[in-house]
Amino acid sequence: MLRPSRPDDMEQILEIWLLASLQAHDFVDASCWWQAQETLRTRYFERARLWVYEERDQLLGFMALVDNYLAALFVRPDQQQRGVGHALLQEAKRQKEALYAVVFAENSEAVRFYHHHGFIIEAENPDPHSGHPQYRMRCLPA
C-alpha cells in the first residue's frame, strides 16, 4: 500500500536508505552513507514530501519529492524486483508532470530503471561529496 509518510516512519525510512545506498553504491566509501544519515533526517527530508510503500506494517520502500525533483527513491534490498520502485515512481509521476532525478552513473541498475520508465540523461556532473559522476535524468510529461 502506498501512503504519505508519518513521523513515526522515519527510522524505517533511514534504514531503507542506508541499506539500499550501501548495496547500490558500493563504489562510494561506506562512511559517506553513515555520516549522511543525520543530515538526511534533520535538513533534507524535512523539505521533502515523503511517500512510503508498506506491507503488513513494514516499510518496503520510499520516495521523496522536492518540487519536481525526485530526491530519493529507495527500496529495501531484500524487497527489490517486486514492483515497489515502479509503484513509487508511478505515484511521483501522478503528483508531478515533469520529474528529474540525480543518479550515480556507476549505478547501472538505477540508470536502467529510470531509462525503462521514460527518463533521459540530460547532464553528467561529479558528485560534490564523492567525486563520482552523476547523471541528471529527466522524465517529460507523457
C-alpha atoms as a PDB file:
ATOM      1  CA  MET A   1       0.000   0.000   0.000  1.00  0.00           C
ATOM      2  CA  LEU A   2       1.249   3.469  -0.894  1.00  0.00           C
ATOM      3  CA  ARG A   3       0.684   6.270   1.576  1.00  0.00           C
ATOM      4  CA  PRO A   4       2.181   9.577   2.719  1.00  0.00           C
ATOM      5  CA  SER A   5       4.813   9.064   5.384  1.00  0.00           C
ATOM      6  CA  ARG A   6       4.210   9.754   9.053  1.00  0.00           C
ATOM      7  CA  PRO A   7       6.751  10.977  11.619  1.00  0.00           C
ATOM      8  CA  ASP A   8       6.986   7.501  13.143  1.00  0.00           C
ATOM      9  CA  ASP A   9       8.177   6.111   9.756  1.00  0.00           C
ATOM     10  CA  MET A  10      11.490   7.976   9.885  1.00  0.00           C
ATOM     11  CA  GLU A  11      13.595   5.221  11.469  1.00  0.00           C
ATOM     12  CA  GLN A  12      12.470   2.668   8.870  1.00  0.00           C
ATOM     13  CA  ILE A  13      12.976   5.196   6.057  1.00  0.00           C
ATOM     14  CA  LEU A  14      16.533   5.884   7.195  1.00  0.00           C
ATOM     15  CA  GLU A  15      17.223   2.149   7.491  1.00  0.00           C
ATOM     16  CA  ILE A  16      15.964   1.540   3.928  1.00  0.00           C
ATOM     17  CA  TRP A  17      18.024   4.469   2.640  1.00  0.00           C
ATOM     18  CA  LEU A  18      21.201   3.233   4.354  1.00  0.00           C
ATOM     19  CA  LEU A  19      20.838  -0.433   3.345  1.00  0.00           C
ATOM     20  CA  ALA A  20      19.964   0.405  -0.256  1.00  0.00           C
ATOM     21  CA  SER A  21      22.707   3.053  -0.512  1.00  0.00           C
ATOM     22  CA  LEU A  22      25.356   0.680   0.781  1.00  0.00           C
ATOM     23  CA  GLN A  23      24.273  -2.008  -1.688  1.00  0.00           C
ATOM     24  CA  ALA A  24      23.763   0.157  -4.786  1.00  0.00           C
ATOM     25  CA  HIS A  25      26.714   2.468  -4.248  1.00  0.00           C
ATOM     26  CA  ASP A  26      29.484   0.112  -3.198  1.00  0.00           C
ATOM     27  CA  PHE A  27      31.885   2.275  -5.223  1.00  0.00           C
ATOM     28  CA  VAL A  28      31.460   5.093  -2.636  1.00  0.00           C
ATOM     29  CA  ASP A  29      33.163   4.727   0.737  1.00  0.00           C
ATOM     30  CA  ALA A  30      30.601   3.378   3.215  1.00  0.00           C
ATOM     31  CA  SER A  31      31.476   6.045   5.776  1.00  0.00           C
ATOM     32  CA  CYS A  32      29.861   8.653   3.493  1.00  0.00           C
ATOM     33  CA  TRP A  33      26.478   6.976   3.914  1.00  0.00           C
ATOM     34  CA  TRP A  34      26.798   6.516   7.669  1.00  0.00           C
ATOM     35  CA  GLN A  35      27.793  10.177   8.127  1.00  0.00           C
ATOM     36  CA  ALA A  36      24.953  11.499   5.956  1.00  0.00           C
ATOM     37  CA  GLN A  37      22.113   9.919   7.945  1.00  0.00           C
ATOM     38  CA  GLU A  38      21.540  12.717  10.446  1.00  0.00           C
ATOM     39  CA  THR A  39      21.775  15.426   7.795  1.00  0.00           C
ATOM     40  CA  LEU A  40      19.240  13.498   5.753  1.00  0.00           C
ATOM     41  CA  ARG A  41      16.845  13.362   8.677  1.00  0.00           C
ATOM     42  CA  THR A  42      17.183  16.900  10.010  1.00  0.00           C
ATOM     43  CA  ARG A  43      17.666  19.010   6.895  1.00  0.00           C
ATOM     44  CA  TYR A  44      16.844  17.168   3.741  1.00  0.00           C
ATOM     45  CA  PHE A  45      13.733  15.114   4.436  1.00  0.00           C
ATOM     46  CA  GLU A  46      12.069  17.978   6.292  1.00  0.00           C
ATOM     47  CA  ARG A  47      11.714  19.821   2.964  1.00  0.00           C
ATOM     48  CA  ALA A  48      10.505  16.795   1.001  1.00  0.00           C
ATOM     49  CA  ARG A  49       7.124  15.179   0.543  1.00  0.00           C
ATOM     50  CA  LEU A  50       7.695  11.554   1.508  1.00  0.00           C
ATOM     51  CA  TRP A  51       5.648   8.574   0.396  1.00  0.00           C
ATOM     52  CA  VAL A  52       6.137   5.019   1.583  1.00  0.00           C
ATOM     53  CA  TYR A  53       5.225   1.577   0.315  1.00  0.00           C
ATOM     54  CA  GLU A  54       4.024  -0.564   3.200  1.00  0.00           C
ATOM     55  CA  GLU A  55       3.071  -4.213   3.577  1.00  0.00           C
ATOM     56  CA  ARG A  56       1.978  -5.769   6.864  1.00  0.00           C
ATOM     57  CA  ASP A  57       3.217  -2.778   8.907  1.00  0.00           C
ATOM     58  CA  GLN A  58       6.701  -2.923   7.356  1.00  0.00           C
ATOM     59  CA  LEU A  59       8.033  -0.273   5.001  1.00  0.00           C
ATOM     60  CA  LEU A  60       9.486  -1.779   1.832  1.00  0.00           C
ATOM     61  CA  GLY A  61      10.461   1.462   0.113  1.00  0.00           C
ATOM     62  CA  PHE A  62      10.018   5.203  -0.014  1.00  0.00           C
ATOM     63  CA  MET A  63      10.331   8.205  -2.264  1.00  0.00           C
ATOM     64  CA  ALA A  64      10.982  11.864  -1.543  1.00  0.00           C
ATOM     65  CA  LEU A  65       9.809  14.723  -3.760  1.00  0.00           C
ATOM     66  CA  VAL A  66      11.057  18.291  -3.527  1.00  0.00           C
ATOM     67  CA  ASP A  67       9.055  20.206  -6.111  1.00  0.00           C
ATOM     68  CA  ASN A  68       9.787  18.349  -9.406  1.00  0.00           C
ATOM     69  CA  TYR A  69      12.964  16.755  -8.046  1.00  0.00           C
ATOM     70  CA  LEU A  70      12.677  13.062  -7.232  1.00  0.00           C
ATOM     71  CA  ALA A  71      15.202  13.427  -4.440  1.00  0.00           C
ATOM     72  CA  ALA A  72      15.074   9.800  -3.344  1.00  0.00           C
ATOM     73  CA  LEU A  73      13.563   6.511  -4.416  1.00  0.00           C
ATOM     74  CA  PHE A  74      14.853   3.573  -2.413  1.00  0.00           C
ATOM     75  CA  VAL A  75      13.627   0.027  -1.888  1.00  0.00           C
ATOM     76  CA  ARG A  76      14.779  -2.321   0.854  1.00  0.00           C
ATOM     77  CA  PRO A  77      17.377  -4.570  -0.848  1.00  0.00           C
ATOM     78  CA  ASP A  78      15.595  -7.808   0.065  1.00  0.00           C
ATOM     79  CA  GLN A  79      12.357  -6.464  -1.472  1.00  0.00           C
ATOM     80  CA  GLN A  80      13.694  -5.289  -4.826  1.00  0.00           C
ATOM     81  CA  GLN A  81      12.358  -6.659  -8.131  1.00  0.00           C
ATOM     82  CA  ARG A  82       8.803  -6.857  -6.714  1.00  0.00           C
ATOM     83  CA  GLY A  83       7.349  -3.692  -8.249  1.00  0.00           C
ATOM     84  CA  VAL A  84       7.817  -1.466  -5.201  1.00  0.00           C
ATOM     85  CA  GLY A  85      10.053   1.015  -7.040  1.00  0.00           C
ATOM     86  CA  HIS A  86       7.684   1.028 -10.006  1.00  0.00           C
ATOM     87  CA  ALA A  87       4.707   1.809  -7.760  1.00  0.00           C
ATOM     88  CA  LEU A  88       6.578   4.622  -6.001  1.00  0.00           C
ATOM     89  CA  LEU A  89       7.692   6.135  -9.303  1.00  0.00           C
ATOM     90  CA  GLN A  90       4.155   5.995 -10.695  1.00  0.00           C
ATOM     91  CA  GLU A  91       2.972   7.925  -7.642  1.00  0.00           C
ATOM     92  CA  ALA A  92       5.687  10.537  -8.232  1.00  0.00           C
ATOM     93  CA  LYS A  93       4.605  10.852 -11.873  1.00  0.00           C
ATOM     94  CA  ARG A  94       0.983  11.205 -10.757  1.00  0.00           C
ATOM     95  CA  GLN A  95       1.943  14.080  -8.464  1.00  0.00           C
ATOM     96  CA  LYS A  96       4.293  15.914 -10.843  1.00  0.00           C
ATOM     97  CA  GLU A  97       4.031  16.137 -14.624  1.00  0.00           C
ATOM     98  CA  ALA A  98       7.757  16.521 -15.238  1.00  0.00           C
ATOM     99  CA  LEU A  99      10.332  14.963 -12.922  1.00  0.00           C
ATOM    100  CA  TYR A 100      14.070  14.882 -12.681  1.00  0.00           C
ATOM    101  CA  ALA A 101      16.409  12.714 -10.622  1.00  0.00           C
ATOM    102  CA  VAL A 102      20.137  12.554  -9.985  1.00  0.00           C
ATOM    103  CA  VAL A 103      21.687   9.078 -10.262  1.00  0.00           C
ATOM    104  CA  PHE A 104      25.259   7.874  -9.911  1.00  0.00           C
ATOM    105  CA  ALA A 105      26.472   6.884 -13.374  1.00  0.00           C
ATOM    106  CA  GLU A 106      28.058   3.748 -11.870  1.00  0.00           C
ATOM    107  CA  ASN A 107      24.694   2.600 -10.505  1.00  0.00           C
ATOM    108  CA  SER A 108      23.755   0.824 -13.728  1.00  0.00           C
ATOM    109  CA  GLU A 109      20.637  -0.784 -12.239  1.00  0.00           C
ATOM    110  CA  ALA A 110      19.180   2.606 -11.293  1.00  0.00           C
ATOM    111  CA  VAL A 111      20.110   4.116 -14.651  1.00  0.00           C
ATOM    112  CA  ARG A 112      18.390   1.185 -16.391  1.00  0.00           C
ATOM    113  CA  PHE A 113      15.336   1.541 -14.118  1.00  0.00           C
ATOM    114  CA  TYR A 114      14.912   5.219 -14.925  1.00  0.00           C
ATOM    115  CA  HIS A 115      15.501   4.672 -18.667  1.00  0.00           C
ATOM    116  CA  HIS A 116      12.830   1.960 -18.592  1.00  0.00           C
ATOM    117  CA  HIS A 117      10.413   4.470 -17.054  1.00  0.00           C
ATOM    118  CA  GLY A 118      10.964   7.160 -19.670  1.00  0.00           C
ATOM    119  CA  PHE A 119      13.847   9.174 -18.192  1.00  0.00           C
ATOM    120  CA  ILE A 120      16.638  10.512 -20.377  1.00  0.00           C
ATOM    121  CA  ILE A 121      20.113  11.671 -19.369  1.00  0.00           C
ATOM    122  CA  GLU A 122      20.358  15.463 -19.530  1.00  0.00           C
ATOM    123  CA  ALA A 123      23.756  16.090 -17.995  1.00  0.00           C
ATOM    124  CA  GLU A 124      26.674  14.493 -16.194  1.00  0.00           C
ATOM    125  CA  ASN A 125      28.430  16.152 -13.257  1.00  0.00           C
ATOM    126  CA  PRO A 126      30.660  14.975 -10.411  1.00  0.00           C
ATOM    127  CA  ASP A 127      29.034  14.374  -7.041  1.00  0.00           C
ATOM    128  CA  PRO A 128      30.277  17.168  -4.757  1.00  0.00           C
ATOM    129  CA  HIS A 129      30.956  14.751  -1.880  1.00  0.00           C
ATOM    130  CA  SER A 130      32.462  11.674  -3.532  1.00  0.00           C
ATOM    131  CA  GLY A 131      33.611  12.997  -6.897  1.00  0.00           C
ATOM    132  CA  HIS A 132      31.881  10.093  -8.675  1.00  0.00           C
ATOM    133  CA  PRO A 133      29.986  11.033 -11.851  1.00  0.00           C
ATOM    134  CA  GLN A 134      26.242  11.520 -11.589  1.00  0.00           C
ATOM    135  CA  TYR A 135      23.588  11.791 -14.265  1.00  0.00           C
ATOM    136  CA  ARG A 136      20.797  14.307 -14.105  1.00  0.00           C
ATOM    137  CA  MET A 137      17.885  12.424 -15.635  1.00  0.00           C
ATOM    138  CA  ARG A 138      14.571  13.939 -16.704  1.00  0.00           C
ATOM    139  CA  CYS A 139      11.176  12.442 -17.434  1.00  0.00           C
ATOM    140  CA  LEU A 140       8.948  14.609 -19.540  1.00  0.00           C
ATOM    141  CA  PRO A 141       5.138  14.513 -19.338  1.00  0.00           C
ATOM    142  CA  ALA A 142       3.531  11.717 -21.327  1.00  0.00           C
END
